[in-house]
Amino acid sequence: MAGTTHSARQRVLDTAAALFFRDGYRAVGVDTIVAESGVGKMTLYRHFPSKDDLIVAYLQDTDEKFWAWFAAATSAAAGVAREQLLAFFQSLETLVSKPTCYGCPFLNAAVDFPERGHPGHQAALAHKQAVRARFRELAEAAGARAPEALGDQLLLLMDGAFMAVRLFGPDNPAVRVADAARILLDAYTATERGHRA
């Protein structure tokens, strides 16, 4: 029985994730999630008392997946902050070139829920604050002269890449985002400066 309950919850979450990511939070209603998941409405509400609760659960799950992806993307360069940042942006470049990428679920939440007090907006903001802090930390470890500024610019670069794929699709300007990250890193660190053509 516990397995059935868990699988029903997971089916709802997986279905909502696909629909929210592709179509947006406001555009997807509970009835659509129920129909697509095959889970009854009462079961959905047992696990997620409101649509906002489902949105927050999806964003929390997505946050965990983002950090797992971040760790995998940077693992080969562990201990070398500059290379970790470059590896992350190379992985991002690959991601935003895929037809199944619809941008960033957190940016999409901020757009759909501009009210700062909305739970979806709060979850999105918390994620972006954590990413910003991580970029600043890696920028400092990479020897950047102004790590906070570099971290902020890298966050803007990442978010710009996510918006580019949402707007243009897989053939978008973000296919060069790793080069842009390298240029920023060169501008803020002594490593490899002067060796560029």
N, C-alpha and C. Protein backbone atom coordinates (compact mmCIF):
# COMPACT_ATOMS: atom_id res chain seq x y z
N MET A 1 0.82 -1.20 0.00
CA MET A 1 0.00 0.00 0.00
C MET A 1 0.86 1.25 0.00
N ALA A 2 1.93 1.24 0.81
CA ALA A 2 2.82 2.40 0.85
C ALA A 2 3.44 2.64 -0.51
N GLY A 3 3.80 1.55 -1.21
CA GLY A 3 4.37 1.70 -2.55
C GLY A 3 3.39 2.30 -3.52
N THR A 4 2.12 1.91 -3.41
CA THR A 4 1.08 2.46 -4.29
C THR A 4 0.89 3.94 -4.02
N THR A 5 0.88 4.32 -2.74
CA THR A 5 0.74 5.73 -2.37
C THR A 5 1.90 6.53 -2.92
N HIS A 6 3.11 6.01 -2.72
CA HIS A 6 4.29 6.71 -3.23
C HIS A 6 4.25 6.84 -4.75
N SER A 7 3.85 5.78 -5.43
CA SER A 7 3.85 5.82 -6.89
C SER A 7 2.78 6.79 -7.41
N ALA A 8 1.65 6.88 -6.71
CA ALA A 8 0.61 7.83 -7.12
C ALA A 8 1.13 9.25 -6.95
N ARG A 9 1.77 9.52 -5.81
CA ARG A 9 2.34 10.85 -5.57
C ARG A 9 3.38 11.18 -6.64
N GLN A 10 4.24 10.19 -6.93
CA GLN A 10 5.30 10.42 -7.91
C GLN A 10 4.73 10.61 -9.31
N ARG A 11 3.67 9.87 -9.65
CA ARG A 11 3.04 10.04 -10.96
C ARG A 11 2.48 11.45 -11.10
N VAL A 12 1.83 11.93 -10.06
CA VAL A 12 1.31 13.30 -10.08
C VAL A 12 2.45 14.28 -10.26
N LEU A 13 3.51 14.11 -9.49
CA LEU A 13 4.64 15.03 -9.54
C LEU A 13 5.33 14.99 -10.90
N ASP A 14 5.54 13.80 -11.43
CA ASP A 14 6.19 13.67 -12.74
C ASP A 14 5.34 14.27 -13.85
N THR A 15 4.04 14.04 -13.79
CA THR A 15 3.13 14.60 -14.81
C THR A 15 3.10 16.11 -14.72
N ALA A 16 2.95 16.62 -13.50
CA ALA A 16 2.93 18.08 -13.31
C ALA A 16 4.25 18.69 -13.78
N ALA A 17 5.36 18.03 -13.49
CA ALA A 17 6.67 18.53 -13.88
C ALA A 17 6.75 18.72 -15.40
N ALA A 18 6.36 17.71 -16.13
CA ALA A 18 6.41 17.78 -17.60
C ALA A 18 5.50 18.88 -18.13
N LEU A 19 4.30 18.97 -17.58
CA LEU A 19 3.34 19.97 -18.06
C LEU A 19 3.73 21.38 -17.65
N PHE A 20 4.13 21.57 -16.41
CA PHE A 20 4.55 22.90 -15.96
C PHE A 20 5.74 23.39 -16.76
N PHE A 21 6.71 22.51 -16.98
CA PHE A 21 7.93 22.89 -17.69
C PHE A 21 7.63 23.30 -19.13
N ARG A 22 6.78 22.53 -19.78
CA ARG A 22 6.48 22.79 -21.18
C ARG A 22 5.48 23.92 -21.38
N ASP A 23 4.40 23.93 -20.58
CA ASP A 23 3.28 24.83 -20.85
C ASP A 23 3.15 26.00 -19.89
N GLY A 24 3.83 25.94 -18.75
CA GLY A 24 3.72 27.01 -17.77
C GLY A 24 2.80 26.63 -16.64
N TYR A 25 2.96 27.29 -15.53
CA TYR A 25 2.23 26.95 -14.31
C TYR A 25 0.76 27.37 -14.38
N ARG A 26 0.50 28.55 -14.84
CA ARG A 26 -0.87 29.06 -14.87
C ARG A 26 -1.70 28.36 -15.95
N ALA A 27 -1.03 27.93 -17.02
CA ALA A 27 -1.75 27.33 -18.15
C ALA A 27 -2.21 25.90 -17.85
N VAL A 28 -1.61 25.27 -16.86
CA VAL A 28 -1.92 23.87 -16.56
C VAL A 28 -2.81 23.80 -15.32
N GLY A 29 -3.99 23.24 -15.50
CA GLY A 29 -4.92 23.10 -14.38
C GLY A 29 -4.83 21.73 -13.74
N VAL A 30 -5.40 21.64 -12.57
CA VAL A 30 -5.42 20.37 -11.83
C VAL A 30 -6.12 19.28 -12.63
N ASP A 31 -7.20 19.62 -13.33
CA ASP A 31 -7.92 18.62 -14.12
C ASP A 31 -7.03 18.00 -15.19
N THR A 32 -6.20 18.82 -15.80
CA THR A 32 -5.27 18.31 -16.83
C THR A 32 -4.26 17.36 -16.19
N ILE A 33 -3.74 17.73 -15.04
CA ILE A 33 -2.77 16.87 -14.35
C ILE A 33 -3.41 15.54 -13.97
N VAL A 34 -4.65 15.59 -13.48
CA VAL A 34 -5.39 14.37 -13.12
C VAL A 34 -5.58 13.49 -14.35
N ALA A 35 -6.01 14.09 -15.45
CA ALA A 35 -6.25 13.31 -16.67
C ALA A 35 -4.97 12.70 -17.21
N GLU A 36 -3.89 13.46 -17.21
CA GLU A 36 -2.62 12.97 -17.77
C GLU A 36 -1.94 11.94 -16.88
N SER A 37 -2.11 12.09 -15.57
CA SER A 37 -1.41 11.18 -14.64
C SER A 37 -2.19 9.90 -14.38
N GLY A 38 -3.52 9.93 -14.59
CA GLY A 38 -4.34 8.78 -14.28
C GLY A 38 -4.60 8.61 -12.80
N VAL A 39 -4.28 9.64 -12.02
CA VAL A 39 -4.50 9.61 -10.57
C VAL A 39 -5.76 10.42 -10.28
N GLY A 40 -6.60 9.93 -9.40
CA GLY A 40 -7.84 10.64 -9.06
C GLY A 40 -7.58 11.97 -8.38
N LYS A 41 -8.53 12.86 -8.53
CA LYS A 41 -8.39 14.20 -7.96
C LYS A 41 -8.26 14.15 -6.44
N MET A 42 -9.01 13.27 -5.80
CA MET A 42 -8.92 13.16 -4.34
C MET A 42 -7.52 12.70 -3.92
N THR A 43 -6.94 11.80 -4.69
CA THR A 43 -5.59 11.32 -4.39
C THR A 43 -4.59 12.45 -4.56
N LEU A 44 -4.75 13.22 -5.64
CA LEU A 44 -3.86 14.36 -5.85
C LEU A 44 -3.92 15.31 -4.66
N TYR A 45 -5.14 15.65 -4.23
CA TYR A 45 -5.28 16.60 -3.13
C TYR A 45 -4.86 16.01 -1.78
N ARG A 46 -4.84 14.70 -1.67
CA ARG A 46 -4.33 14.08 -0.44
C ARG A 46 -2.83 14.34 -0.32
N HIS A 47 -2.14 14.30 -1.43
CA HIS A 47 -0.70 14.52 -1.43
C HIS A 47 -0.33 16.00 -1.53
N PHE A 48 -1.12 16.75 -2.26
CA PHE A 48 -0.86 18.16 -2.49
C PHE A 48 -2.16 18.92 -2.25
N PRO A 49 -2.34 19.49 -1.06
CA PRO A 49 -3.62 20.12 -0.71
C PRO A 49 -4.06 21.25 -1.64
N SER A 50 -3.11 21.84 -2.36
CA SER A 50 -3.47 22.90 -3.32
C SER A 50 -2.51 22.82 -4.51
N LYS A 51 -2.87 23.50 -5.56
CA LYS A 51 -1.99 23.56 -6.73
C LYS A 51 -0.67 24.24 -6.36
N ASP A 52 -0.73 25.24 -5.50
CA ASP A 52 0.50 25.90 -5.05
C ASP A 52 1.43 24.92 -4.34
N ASP A 53 0.85 24.02 -3.54
CA ASP A 53 1.67 23.00 -2.87
C ASP A 53 2.35 22.09 -3.90
N LEU A 54 1.64 21.76 -4.95
CA LEU A 54 2.20 20.93 -6.02
C LEU A 54 3.32 21.68 -6.74
N ILE A 55 3.10 22.96 -7.00
CA ILE A 55 4.13 23.78 -7.66
C ILE A 55 5.40 23.83 -6.81
N VAL A 56 5.24 24.07 -5.52
CA VAL A 56 6.40 24.14 -4.63
C VAL A 56 7.11 22.79 -4.56
N ALA A 57 6.35 21.70 -4.49
CA ALA A 57 6.96 20.37 -4.47
C ALA A 57 7.76 20.12 -5.75
N TYR A 58 7.20 20.53 -6.89
CA TYR A 58 7.90 20.39 -8.16
C TYR A 58 9.20 21.21 -8.16
N LEU A 59 9.13 22.44 -7.67
CA LEU A 59 10.33 23.29 -7.66
C LEU A 59 11.38 22.76 -6.69
N GLN A 60 10.95 22.21 -5.57
CA GLN A 60 11.91 21.61 -4.63
C GLN A 60 12.58 20.39 -5.25
N ASP A 61 11.80 19.57 -5.94
CA ASP A 61 12.34 18.40 -6.62
C ASP A 61 13.31 18.83 -7.73
N THR A 62 12.92 19.88 -8.44
CA THR A 62 13.76 20.39 -9.53
C THR A 62 15.06 20.99 -8.97
N ASP A 63 14.97 21.64 -7.83
CA ASP A 63 16.17 22.18 -7.18
C ASP A 63 17.16 21.05 -6.87
N GLU A 64 16.66 19.94 -6.33
CA GLU A 64 17.53 18.80 -6.03
C GLU A 64 18.17 18.26 -7.31
N LYS A 65 17.37 18.17 -8.36
CA LYS A 65 17.90 17.67 -9.64
C LYS A 65 18.92 18.63 -10.24
N PHE A 66 18.68 19.93 -10.08
CA PHE A 66 19.64 20.92 -10.58
C PHE A 66 20.99 20.74 -9.92
N TRP A 67 20.99 20.59 -8.59
CA TRP A 67 22.27 20.47 -7.88
C TRP A 67 22.96 19.15 -8.19
N ALA A 68 22.20 18.10 -8.44
CA ALA A 68 22.80 16.84 -8.87
C ALA A 68 23.44 17.00 -10.24
N TRP A 69 22.74 17.72 -11.13
CA TRP A 69 23.29 17.99 -12.46
C TRP A 69 24.53 18.87 -12.35
N PHE A 70 24.49 19.87 -11.51
CA PHE A 70 25.63 20.75 -11.29
C PHE A 70 26.84 19.94 -10.82
N ALA A 71 26.62 19.05 -9.85
CA ALA A 71 27.71 18.22 -9.33
C ALA A 71 28.28 17.30 -10.41
N ALA A 72 27.40 16.70 -11.21
CA ALA A 72 27.86 15.82 -12.28
C ALA A 72 28.64 16.60 -13.34
N ALA A 73 28.14 17.79 -13.67
CA ALA A 73 28.79 18.61 -14.71
C ALA A 73 30.17 19.06 -14.30
N THR A 74 30.38 19.26 -12.99
CA THR A 74 31.64 19.83 -12.51
C THR A 74 32.56 18.81 -11.85
N SER A 75 32.13 17.56 -11.75
CA SER A 75 32.89 16.56 -10.99
C SER A 75 34.27 16.30 -11.56
N ALA A 76 34.41 16.31 -12.86
CA ALA A 76 35.72 16.03 -13.47
C ALA A 76 36.74 17.10 -13.13
N ALA A 77 36.26 18.30 -12.78
CA ALA A 77 37.16 19.41 -12.47
C ALA A 77 37.17 19.71 -10.96
N ALA A 78 36.78 18.74 -10.16
CA ALA A 78 36.69 18.96 -8.71
C ALA A 78 37.99 19.53 -8.16
N GLY A 79 37.86 20.56 -7.35
CA GLY A 79 39.03 21.18 -6.73
C GLY A 79 39.65 22.29 -7.55
N VAL A 80 39.21 22.48 -8.78
CA VAL A 80 39.74 23.55 -9.63
C VAL A 80 38.56 24.43 -10.02
N ALA A 81 38.37 25.50 -9.27
CA ALA A 81 37.15 26.31 -9.38
C ALA A 81 36.93 26.86 -10.78
N ARG A 82 37.97 27.38 -11.38
CA ARG A 82 37.83 27.95 -12.73
C ARG A 82 37.32 26.89 -13.71
N GLU A 83 37.91 25.70 -13.64
CA GLU A 83 37.51 24.62 -14.55
C GLU A 83 36.11 24.11 -14.23
N GLN A 84 35.74 24.16 -12.96
CA GLN A 84 34.37 23.77 -12.59
C GLN A 84 33.35 24.72 -13.23
N LEU A 85 33.65 26.01 -13.16
CA LEU A 85 32.74 26.98 -13.77
C LEU A 85 32.65 26.78 -15.29
N LEU A 86 33.79 26.57 -15.92
CA LEU A 86 33.78 26.35 -17.37
C LEU A 86 33.03 25.06 -17.72
N ALA A 87 33.24 24.02 -16.92
CA ALA A 87 32.55 22.75 -17.16
C ALA A 87 31.05 22.92 -17.01
N PHE A 88 30.63 23.69 -16.01
CA PHE A 88 29.20 23.94 -15.83
C PHE A 88 28.62 24.61 -17.06
N PHE A 89 29.28 25.64 -17.57
CA PHE A 89 28.73 26.37 -18.71
C PHE A 89 28.82 25.56 -20.01
N GLN A 90 29.78 24.66 -20.11
CA GLN A 90 29.79 23.75 -21.26
C GLN A 90 28.60 22.80 -21.19
N SER A 91 28.30 22.33 -20.00
CA SER A 91 27.14 21.45 -19.82
C SER A 91 25.84 22.22 -20.08
N LEU A 92 25.79 23.47 -19.64
CA LEU A 92 24.62 24.31 -19.89
C LEU A 92 24.44 24.51 -21.39
N GLU A 93 25.55 24.72 -22.10
CA GLU A 93 25.49 24.90 -23.56
C GLU A 93 24.85 23.68 -24.23
N THR A 94 25.21 22.50 -23.78
CA THR A 94 24.62 21.28 -24.31
C THR A 94 23.13 21.21 -23.99
N LEU A 95 22.79 21.54 -22.74
CA LEU A 95 21.40 21.47 -22.31
C LEU A 95 20.50 22.40 -23.12
N VAL A 96 20.92 23.64 -23.31
CA VAL A 96 20.07 24.62 -24.00
C VAL A 96 20.04 24.42 -25.51
N SER A 97 20.75 23.42 -25.98
CA SER A 97 20.70 23.08 -27.41
C SER A 97 19.72 21.93 -27.69
N LYS A 98 19.11 21.41 -26.64
CA LYS A 98 18.19 20.26 -26.79
C LYS A 98 16.76 20.73 -27.04
N PRO A 99 16.04 20.08 -27.92
CA PRO A 99 14.65 20.46 -28.18
C PRO A 99 13.73 20.22 -26.99
N THR A 100 14.17 19.42 -26.02
CA THR A 100 13.34 19.15 -24.84
C THR A 100 13.57 20.16 -23.71
N CYS A 101 14.44 21.14 -23.94
CA CYS A 101 14.70 22.16 -22.93
C CYS A 101 13.78 23.35 -23.18
N TYR A 102 13.01 23.69 -22.16
CA TYR A 102 12.06 24.81 -22.26
C TYR A 102 12.47 25.97 -21.35
N GLY A 103 13.74 26.06 -21.08
CA GLY A 103 14.23 27.14 -20.24
C GLY A 103 14.43 26.70 -18.81
N CYS A 104 14.23 27.61 -17.89
CA CYS A 104 14.47 27.37 -16.47
C CYS A 104 13.15 27.36 -15.71
N PRO A 105 12.82 26.28 -15.03
CA PRO A 105 11.56 26.22 -14.27
C PRO A 105 11.44 27.32 -13.22
N PHE A 106 12.57 27.79 -12.72
CA PHE A 106 12.55 28.82 -11.68
C PHE A 106 12.27 30.19 -12.28
N LEU A 107 12.87 30.48 -13.41
CA LEU A 107 12.55 31.73 -14.10
C LEU A 107 11.10 31.72 -14.57
N ASN A 108 10.67 30.57 -15.07
CA ASN A 108 9.28 30.45 -15.51
C ASN A 108 8.32 30.71 -14.36
N ALA A 109 8.67 30.24 -13.16
CA ALA A 109 7.84 30.48 -11.98
C ALA A 109 7.81 31.96 -11.62
N ALA A 110 8.95 32.61 -11.71
CA ALA A 110 9.00 34.04 -11.38
C ALA A 110 8.16 34.85 -12.37
N VAL A 111 8.14 34.42 -13.63
CA VAL A 111 7.33 35.11 -14.64
C VAL A 111 5.84 34.85 -14.40
N ASP A 112 5.49 33.60 -14.15
CA ASP A 112 4.08 33.25 -13.93
C ASP A 112 3.54 33.80 -12.62
N PHE A 113 4.43 33.96 -11.63
CA PHE A 113 4.02 34.43 -10.31
C PHE A 113 4.87 35.62 -9.89
N PRO A 114 4.62 36.78 -10.46
CA PRO A 114 5.44 37.95 -10.14
C PRO A 114 5.24 38.46 -8.71
N GLU A 115 4.14 38.05 -8.06
CA GLU A 115 3.89 38.48 -6.69
C GLU A 115 4.97 37.87 -5.79
N ARG A 116 5.74 38.70 -5.12
CA ARG A 116 6.88 38.21 -4.33
C ARG A 116 6.47 37.26 -3.22
N GLY A 117 5.25 37.38 -2.73
CA GLY A 117 4.81 36.52 -1.65
C GLY A 117 4.28 35.18 -2.10
N HIS A 118 4.12 34.98 -3.40
CA HIS A 118 3.59 33.70 -3.90
C HIS A 118 4.60 32.59 -3.59
N PRO A 119 4.13 31.42 -3.13
CA PRO A 119 5.05 30.32 -2.79
C PRO A 119 5.95 29.90 -3.95
N GLY A 120 5.43 29.94 -5.18
CA GLY A 120 6.25 29.60 -6.34
C GLY A 120 7.37 30.61 -6.56
N HIS A 121 7.05 31.88 -6.38
CA HIS A 121 8.06 32.94 -6.52
C HIS A 121 9.13 32.78 -5.43
N GLN A 122 8.69 32.50 -4.22
CA GLN A 122 9.63 32.32 -3.11
C GLN A 122 10.56 31.14 -3.35
N ALA A 123 10.02 30.04 -3.85
CA ALA A 123 10.86 28.86 -4.14
C ALA A 123 11.87 29.16 -5.24
N ALA A 124 11.42 29.91 -6.26
CA ALA A 124 12.32 30.28 -7.36
C ALA A 124 13.42 31.20 -6.86
N LEU A 125 13.06 32.17 -6.04
CA LEU A 125 14.05 33.11 -5.51
C LEU A 125 15.08 32.41 -4.63
N ALA A 126 14.62 31.50 -3.81
CA ALA A 126 15.55 30.75 -2.94
C ALA A 126 16.56 29.97 -3.78
N HIS A 127 16.09 29.36 -4.86
CA HIS A 127 17.00 28.62 -5.75
C HIS A 127 18.03 29.55 -6.38
N LYS A 128 17.57 30.66 -6.91
CA LYS A 128 18.49 31.59 -7.58
C LYS A 128 19.49 32.20 -6.60
N GLN A 129 19.07 32.44 -5.37
CA GLN A 129 19.99 32.95 -4.36
C GLN A 129 21.08 31.93 -4.06
N ALA A 130 20.70 30.65 -4.03
CA ALA A 130 21.68 29.59 -3.78
C ALA A 130 22.67 29.46 -4.94
N VAL A 131 22.17 29.56 -6.16
CA VAL A 131 23.06 29.49 -7.33
C VAL A 131 24.00 30.69 -7.35
N ARG A 132 23.46 31.85 -7.07
CA ARG A 132 24.27 33.08 -7.01
C ARG A 132 25.40 32.92 -5.98
N ALA A 133 25.06 32.41 -4.81
CA ALA A 133 26.07 32.20 -3.76
C ALA A 133 27.14 31.21 -4.21
N ARG A 134 26.71 30.14 -4.90
CA ARG A 134 27.68 29.13 -5.38
C ARG A 134 28.59 29.71 -6.44
N PHE A 135 28.06 30.48 -7.36
CA PHE A 135 28.91 31.12 -8.38
C PHE A 135 29.91 32.08 -7.73
N ARG A 136 29.46 32.84 -6.76
CA ARG A 136 30.36 33.77 -6.06
C ARG A 136 31.46 33.01 -5.34
N GLU A 137 31.09 31.91 -4.70
CA GLU A 137 32.07 31.08 -3.99
C GLU A 137 33.11 30.53 -4.95
N LEU A 138 32.67 30.00 -6.08
CA LEU A 138 33.61 29.46 -7.07
C LEU A 138 34.44 30.57 -7.70
N ALA A 139 33.85 31.75 -7.91
CA ALA A 139 34.60 32.88 -8.46
C ALA A 139 35.73 33.28 -7.51
N GLU A 140 35.43 33.29 -6.23
CA GLU A 140 36.47 33.62 -5.24
C GLU A 140 37.56 32.57 -5.25
N ALA A 141 37.16 31.29 -5.27
CA ALA A 141 38.14 30.20 -5.28
C ALA A 141 38.98 30.22 -6.55
N ALA A 142 38.42 30.76 -7.64
CA ALA A 142 39.16 30.84 -8.91
C ALA A 142 40.11 32.03 -8.94
N GLY A 143 40.09 32.84 -7.88
CA GLY A 143 41.01 33.98 -7.81
C GLY A 143 40.50 35.24 -8.47
N ALA A 144 39.20 35.35 -8.67
CA ALA A 144 38.65 36.56 -9.30
C ALA A 144 38.92 37.77 -8.43
N ARG A 145 39.25 38.88 -9.05
CA ARG A 145 39.51 40.12 -8.33
C ARG A 145 38.24 40.66 -7.67
N ALA A 146 37.10 40.45 -8.28
CA ALA A 146 35.82 40.90 -7.72
C ALA A 146 34.85 39.71 -7.81
N PRO A 147 34.97 38.75 -6.89
CA PRO A 147 34.19 37.52 -7.00
C PRO A 147 32.68 37.72 -6.96
N GLU A 148 32.21 38.69 -6.19
CA GLU A 148 30.77 38.93 -6.15
C GLU A 148 30.26 39.42 -7.49
N ALA A 149 31.01 40.32 -8.12
CA ALA A 149 30.61 40.83 -9.43
C ALA A 149 30.65 39.72 -10.48
N LEU A 150 31.70 38.91 -10.45
CA LEU A 150 31.80 37.82 -11.42
C LEU A 150 30.68 36.80 -11.19
N GLY A 151 30.43 36.46 -9.94
CA GLY A 151 29.35 35.52 -9.65
C GLY A 151 28.01 36.02 -10.14
N ASP A 152 27.74 37.31 -9.94
CA ASP A 152 26.49 37.90 -10.41
C ASP A 152 26.39 37.86 -11.94
N GLN A 153 27.51 38.16 -12.60
CA GLN A 153 27.50 38.15 -14.07
C GLN A 153 27.32 36.74 -14.62
N LEU A 154 27.89 35.77 -13.94
CA LEU A 154 27.70 34.38 -14.37
C LEU A 154 26.25 33.94 -14.19
N LEU A 155 25.62 34.40 -13.11
CA LEU A 155 24.19 34.11 -12.91
C LEU A 155 23.37 34.72 -14.05
N LEU A 156 23.67 35.95 -14.41
CA LEU A 156 22.95 36.60 -15.51
C LEU A 156 23.18 35.86 -16.82
N LEU A 157 24.40 35.38 -17.01
CA LEU A 157 24.72 34.63 -18.23
C LEU A 157 23.92 33.33 -18.29
N MET A 158 23.87 32.61 -17.18
CA MET A 158 23.10 31.36 -17.12
C MET A 158 21.63 31.63 -17.39
N ASP A 159 21.07 32.63 -16.70
CA ASP A 159 19.65 32.93 -16.87
C ASP A 159 19.34 33.42 -18.28
N GLY A 160 20.26 34.16 -18.87
CA GLY A 160 20.08 34.59 -20.26
C GLY A 160 20.04 33.41 -21.21
N ALA A 161 20.88 32.41 -20.94
CA ALA A 161 20.89 31.20 -21.77
C ALA A 161 19.55 30.47 -21.65
N PHE A 162 19.04 30.37 -20.43
CA PHE A 162 17.75 29.70 -20.23
C PHE A 162 16.60 30.46 -20.93
N MET A 163 16.65 31.77 -20.89
CA MET A 163 15.59 32.54 -21.56
C MET A 163 15.73 32.44 -23.07
N ALA A 164 16.96 32.36 -23.56
CA ALA A 164 17.18 32.26 -25.01
C ALA A 164 16.58 30.97 -25.56
N VAL A 165 16.75 29.85 -24.86
CA VAL A 165 16.19 28.60 -25.37
C VAL A 165 14.67 28.62 -25.27
N ARG A 166 14.13 29.27 -24.25
CA ARG A 166 12.67 29.36 -24.14
C ARG A 166 12.09 30.18 -25.29
N LEU A 167 12.80 31.23 -25.67
CA LEU A 167 12.32 32.13 -26.73
C LEU A 167 12.58 31.58 -28.13
N PHE A 168 13.80 31.14 -28.38
CA PHE A 168 14.20 30.74 -29.73
C PHE A 168 14.07 29.25 -30.02
N GLY A 169 14.05 28.42 -28.97
CA GLY A 169 14.12 26.99 -29.18
C GLY A 169 15.58 26.54 -29.21
N PRO A 170 15.85 25.32 -29.68
CA PRO A 170 17.21 24.78 -29.60
C PRO A 170 18.24 25.51 -30.44
N ASP A 171 17.83 26.19 -31.51
CA ASP A 171 18.77 26.96 -32.33
C ASP A 171 18.77 28.39 -31.82
N ASN A 172 19.51 28.63 -30.75
CA ASN A 172 19.44 29.91 -30.05
C ASN A 172 20.83 30.47 -29.78
N PRO A 173 20.93 31.75 -29.42
CA PRO A 173 22.24 32.36 -29.17
C PRO A 173 23.02 31.74 -28.01
N ALA A 174 22.35 31.01 -27.14
CA ALA A 174 23.04 30.42 -25.99
C ALA A 174 23.95 29.26 -26.35
N VAL A 175 23.96 28.85 -27.61
CA VAL A 175 24.87 27.77 -28.02
C VAL A 175 26.33 28.21 -27.91
N ARG A 176 26.55 29.47 -27.59
CA ARG A 176 27.92 29.98 -27.38
C ARG A 176 28.14 30.45 -25.94
N VAL A 177 27.31 29.98 -25.03
CA VAL A 177 27.38 30.48 -23.65
C VAL A 177 28.68 30.09 -22.95
N ALA A 178 29.28 28.96 -23.29
CA ALA A 178 30.55 28.56 -22.66
C ALA A 178 31.67 29.53 -23.04
N ASP A 179 31.68 30.00 -24.30
CA ASP A 179 32.67 31.00 -24.71
C ASP A 179 32.49 32.30 -23.94
N ALA A 180 31.26 32.70 -23.74
CA ALA A 180 30.98 33.93 -23.00
C ALA A 180 31.46 33.79 -21.55
N ALA A 181 31.25 32.62 -20.95
CA ALA A 181 31.72 32.39 -19.58
C ALA A 181 33.24 32.44 -19.51
N ARG A 182 33.90 31.88 -20.50
CA ARG A 182 35.36 31.90 -20.53
C ARG A 182 35.88 33.33 -20.63
N ILE A 183 35.24 34.15 -21.45
CA ILE A 183 35.65 35.55 -21.59
C ILE A 183 35.49 36.29 -20.26
N LEU A 184 34.39 36.06 -19.58
CA LEU A 184 34.19 36.68 -18.26
C LEU A 184 35.26 36.23 -17.27
N LEU A 185 35.51 34.94 -17.24
CA LEU A 185 36.53 34.43 -16.32
C LEU A 185 37.90 35.01 -16.63
N ASP A 186 38.25 35.11 -17.90
CA ASP A 186 39.53 35.71 -18.29
C ASP A 186 39.61 37.17 -17.84
N ALA A 187 38.50 37.86 -17.94
CA ALA A 187 38.48 39.28 -17.58
C ALA A 187 38.67 39.48 -16.07
N TYR A 188 38.26 38.52 -15.26
CA TYR A 188 38.31 38.67 -13.81
C TYR A 188 39.46 37.94 -13.12
N THR A 189 40.17 37.09 -13.86
CA THR A 189 41.26 36.32 -13.26
C THR A 189 42.53 36.50 -14.05
N ALA A 190 43.63 36.23 -13.40
CA ALA A 190 44.91 36.33 -14.08
C ALA A 190 45.19 35.10 -14.93
N THR A 191 44.55 33.97 -14.61
CA THR A 191 44.78 32.71 -15.32
C THR A 191 44.44 32.85 -16.79
N GLU A 192 45.39 32.55 -17.63
CA GLU A 192 45.23 32.53 -19.09
C GLU A 192 45.02 33.91 -19.69
N ARG A 193 45.07 34.98 -18.87
CA ARG A 193 44.96 36.32 -19.47
C ARG A 193 46.23 36.60 -20.26
N GLY A 194 46.09 37.22 -21.35
CA GLY A 194 47.24 37.50 -22.19
C GLY A 194 47.55 36.39 -23.17
N HIS A 195 46.88 35.22 -23.01
CA HIS A 195 47.13 34.10 -23.92
C HIS A 195 46.03 34.00 -24.98
N ARG A 196 45.04 34.89 -24.88
CA ARG A 196 43.98 34.84 -25.87
C ARG A 196 44.42 35.54 -27.14
N ALA A 197 43.93 35.04 -28.28
CA ALA A 197 44.31 35.64 -29.56
C ALA A 197 43.70 37.03 -29.68
